[in-house]
């Protein structure tokens, strides 16, 4: 394929991407994304932070998920400049050769 054909092919691909992005932006500004979210029944829950982690457990009692950091402001207050300087990194995991078996 010569250079001119490659250039036109690239230009066509870029044009399609730009037109697609413009149509998504136009749909978002027209409120169409909310309509699509209603049609697909997509739900995003925004919960206020809680004071304690609330684990969600499955039927067999294993923890599925939990709130890792319910109060981000407490983290900011905790990590002072001195604590950041004194912090030690977590050790890197070490794996010996042959310790992990890969299934095929």
C-alpha atoms as a PDB file:
ATOM      1  CA  UNK A   1       0.000   0.000   0.000  1.00  0.00           C
ATOM      2  CA  UNK A   2       1.502   3.335  -0.978  1.00  0.00           C
ATOM      3  CA  UNK A   3       1.827   6.317   1.361  1.00  0.00           C
ATOM      4  CA  UNK A   4      -1.101   8.251  -0.126  1.00  0.00           C
ATOM      5  CA  UNK A   5      -3.538   5.391   0.475  1.00  0.00           C
ATOM      6  CA  UNK A   6      -2.270   4.969   4.042  1.00  0.00           C
ATOM      7  CA  UNK A   7      -2.722   8.683   4.667  1.00  0.00           C
ATOM      8  CA  UNK A   8      -6.308   8.651   3.357  1.00  0.00           C
ATOM      9  CA  UNK A   9      -7.138   5.530   5.356  1.00  0.00           C
ATOM     10  CA  UNK A  10      -5.774   7.149   8.519  1.00  0.00           C
ATOM     11  CA  UNK A  11      -7.686  10.338   7.784  1.00  0.00           C
ATOM     12  CA  UNK A  12     -10.900   8.349   7.371  1.00  0.00           C
ATOM     13  CA  UNK A  13     -10.399   6.551  10.693  1.00  0.00           C
ATOM     14  CA  UNK A  14      -9.679   9.827  12.489  1.00  0.00           C
ATOM     15  CA  UNK A  15     -12.757  11.380  10.880  1.00  0.00           C
ATOM     16  CA  UNK A  16     -14.983   8.552  12.080  1.00  0.00           C
ATOM     17  CA  UNK A  17     -13.608   8.893  15.616  1.00  0.00           C
ATOM     18  CA  UNK A  18     -14.149  12.659  15.637  1.00  0.00           C
ATOM     19  CA  UNK A  19     -17.717  12.330  14.332  1.00  0.00           C
ATOM     20  CA  UNK A  20     -18.451   9.658  16.949  1.00  0.00           C
ATOM     21  CA  UNK A  21     -17.078  11.817  19.743  1.00  0.00           C
ATOM     22  CA  UNK A  22     -19.067  14.813  18.548  1.00  0.00           C
ATOM     23  CA  UNK A  23     -22.270  12.768  18.456  1.00  0.00           C
ATOM     24  CA  UNK A  24     -21.680  11.489  22.005  1.00  0.00           C
ATOM     25  CA  UNK A  25     -21.050  15.041  23.211  1.00  0.00           C
ATOM     26  CA  UNK A  26     -24.201  16.266  21.454  1.00  0.00           C
ATOM     27  CA  UNK A  27     -26.255  13.439  22.967  1.00  0.00           C
ATOM     28  CA  UNK A  28     -24.895  14.188  26.434  1.00  0.00           C
ATOM     29  CA  UNK A  29     -25.701  17.870  26.158  1.00  0.00           C
ATOM     30  CA  UNK A  30     -29.209  17.077  24.929  1.00  0.00           C
ATOM     31  CA  UNK A  31     -29.867  14.819  27.925  1.00  0.00           C
ATOM     32  CA  UNK A  32     -30.047  11.669  25.845  1.00  0.00           C
ATOM     33  CA  UNK A  33     -27.638   9.826  28.141  1.00  0.00           C
ATOM     34  CA  UNK A  34     -30.147  10.033  30.995  1.00  0.00           C
ATOM     35  CA  UNK A  35     -32.773   8.548  28.687  1.00  0.00           C
ATOM     36  CA  UNK A  36     -30.420   5.719  27.715  1.00  0.00           C
ATOM     37  CA  UNK A  37     -29.641   5.071  31.386  1.00  0.00           C
ATOM     38  CA  UNK A  38     -33.367   4.747  32.083  1.00  0.00           C
ATOM     39  CA  UNK A  39     -33.815   2.401  29.135  1.00  0.00           C
ATOM     40  CA  UNK A  40     -30.953   0.152  30.237  1.00  0.00           C
ATOM     41  CA  UNK A  41     -31.953   0.361  33.905  1.00  0.00           C
ATOM     42  CA  UNK A  42     -28.399   1.306  34.865  1.00  0.00           C
ATOM     43  CA  UNK A  43     -28.235   2.386  38.496  1.00  0.00           C
ATOM     44  CA  UNK A  44     -25.472   4.301  40.219  1.00  0.00           C
ATOM     45  CA  UNK A  45     -25.867   4.557  43.957  1.00  0.00           C
ATOM     46  CA  UNK A  46     -24.257   7.474  45.745  1.00  0.00           C
ATOM     47  CA  UNK A  47     -24.227   6.750  49.446  1.00  0.00           C
ATOM     48  CA  UNK A  48     -23.005   9.151  52.119  1.00  0.00           C
ATOM     49  CA  UNK A  49     -19.901   8.032  54.015  1.00  0.00           C
ATOM     50  CA  UNK A  50     -20.583   5.941  57.083  1.00  0.00           C
ATOM     51  CA  UNK A  51     -18.701   5.918  60.361  1.00  0.00           C
ATOM     52  CA  UNK A  52     -17.897   2.196  60.241  1.00  0.00           C
ATOM     53  CA  UNK A  53     -17.278  -0.274  57.406  1.00  0.00           C
ATOM     54  CA  UNK A  54     -20.371  -2.166  56.340  1.00  0.00           C
ATOM     55  CA  UNK A  55     -19.369  -5.554  54.957  1.00  0.00           C
ATOM     56  CA  UNK A  56     -21.644  -7.181  52.427  1.00  0.00           C
ATOM     57  CA  UNK A  57     -21.712 -10.922  52.860  1.00  0.00           C
ATOM     58  CA  UNK A  58     -22.844 -13.646  50.525  1.00  0.00           C
ATOM     59  CA  UNK A  59     -24.949 -16.660  51.539  1.00  0.00           C
ATOM     60  CA  UNK A  60     -21.897 -18.673  52.571  1.00  0.00           C
ATOM     61  CA  UNK A  61     -20.661 -15.888  54.856  1.00  0.00           C
ATOM     62  CA  UNK A  62     -17.695 -14.650  52.829  1.00  0.00           C
ATOM     63  CA  UNK A  63     -17.144 -10.920  52.567  1.00  0.00           C
ATOM     64  CA  UNK A  64     -17.924  -9.611  49.111  1.00  0.00           C
ATOM     65  CA  UNK A  65     -17.042  -5.962  49.602  1.00  0.00           C
ATOM     66  CA  UNK A  66     -16.682  -3.341  52.281  1.00  0.00           C
ATOM     67  CA  UNK A  67     -16.093   0.370  52.667  1.00  0.00           C
ATOM     68  CA  UNK A  68     -12.357   0.853  52.737  1.00  0.00           C
ATOM     69  CA  UNK A  69     -12.305   4.502  53.636  1.00  0.00           C
ATOM     70  CA  UNK A  70     -15.582   5.917  54.885  1.00  0.00           C
ATOM     71  CA  UNK A  71     -14.047   9.246  55.974  1.00  0.00           C
ATOM     72  CA  UNK A  72     -11.453  10.652  53.530  1.00  0.00           C
ATOM     73  CA  UNK A  73     -10.968  13.784  55.647  1.00  0.00           C
ATOM     74  CA  UNK A  74      -9.686  11.642  58.535  1.00  0.00           C
ATOM     75  CA  UNK A  75      -6.990  10.234  56.234  1.00  0.00           C
ATOM     76  CA  UNK A  76      -5.887  13.726  55.224  1.00  0.00           C
ATOM     77  CA  UNK A  77      -5.713  14.743  58.887  1.00  0.00           C
ATOM     78  CA  UNK A  78      -3.793  11.579  59.843  1.00  0.00           C
ATOM     79  CA  UNK A  79      -1.029  11.792  57.224  1.00  0.00           C
ATOM     80  CA  UNK A  80       0.944  14.794  58.421  1.00  0.00           C
ATOM     81  CA  UNK A  81       4.235  15.760  56.769  1.00  0.00           C
ATOM     82  CA  UNK A  82       6.174  14.047  59.567  1.00  0.00           C
ATOM     83  CA  UNK A  83       4.196  10.800  59.246  1.00  0.00           C
ATOM     84  CA  UNK A  84       4.707  10.812  55.472  1.00  0.00           C
ATOM     85  CA  UNK A  85       8.479  11.192  55.952  1.00  0.00           C
ATOM     86  CA  UNK A  86       8.571   8.388  58.538  1.00  0.00           C
ATOM     87  CA  UNK A  87       6.367   6.004  56.538  1.00  0.00           C
ATOM     88  CA  UNK A  88       7.884   2.692  55.451  1.00  0.00           C
ATOM     89  CA  UNK A  89       6.829   1.128  52.145  1.00  0.00           C
ATOM     90  CA  UNK A  90       5.034  -2.196  52.141  1.00  0.00           C
ATOM     91  CA  UNK A  91       7.403  -5.083  51.380  1.00  0.00           C
ATOM     92  CA  UNK A  92       7.281  -6.440  47.857  1.00  0.00           C
ATOM     93  CA  UNK A  93       5.965  -9.987  47.588  1.00  0.00           C
ATOM     94  CA  UNK A  94       8.635 -12.547  46.853  1.00  0.00           C
ATOM     95  CA  UNK A  95       7.969 -15.636  44.762  1.00  0.00           C
ATOM     96  CA  UNK A  96      10.459 -18.455  44.472  1.00  0.00           C
ATOM     97  CA  UNK A  97      10.943 -20.148  41.100  1.00  0.00           C
ATOM     98  CA  UNK A  98       8.522 -23.040  40.736  1.00  0.00           C
ATOM     99  CA  UNK A  99       6.250 -21.766  43.517  1.00  0.00           C
ATOM    100  CA  UNK A 100       3.499 -20.807  41.107  1.00  0.00           C
ATOM    101  CA  UNK A 101       2.070 -23.413  38.792  1.00  0.00           C
ATOM    102  CA  UNK A 102       0.433 -22.202  35.581  1.00  0.00           C
ATOM    103  CA  UNK A 103      -2.475 -24.267  34.316  1.00  0.00           C
ATOM    104  CA  UNK A 104      -2.848 -24.737  30.602  1.00  0.00           C
END
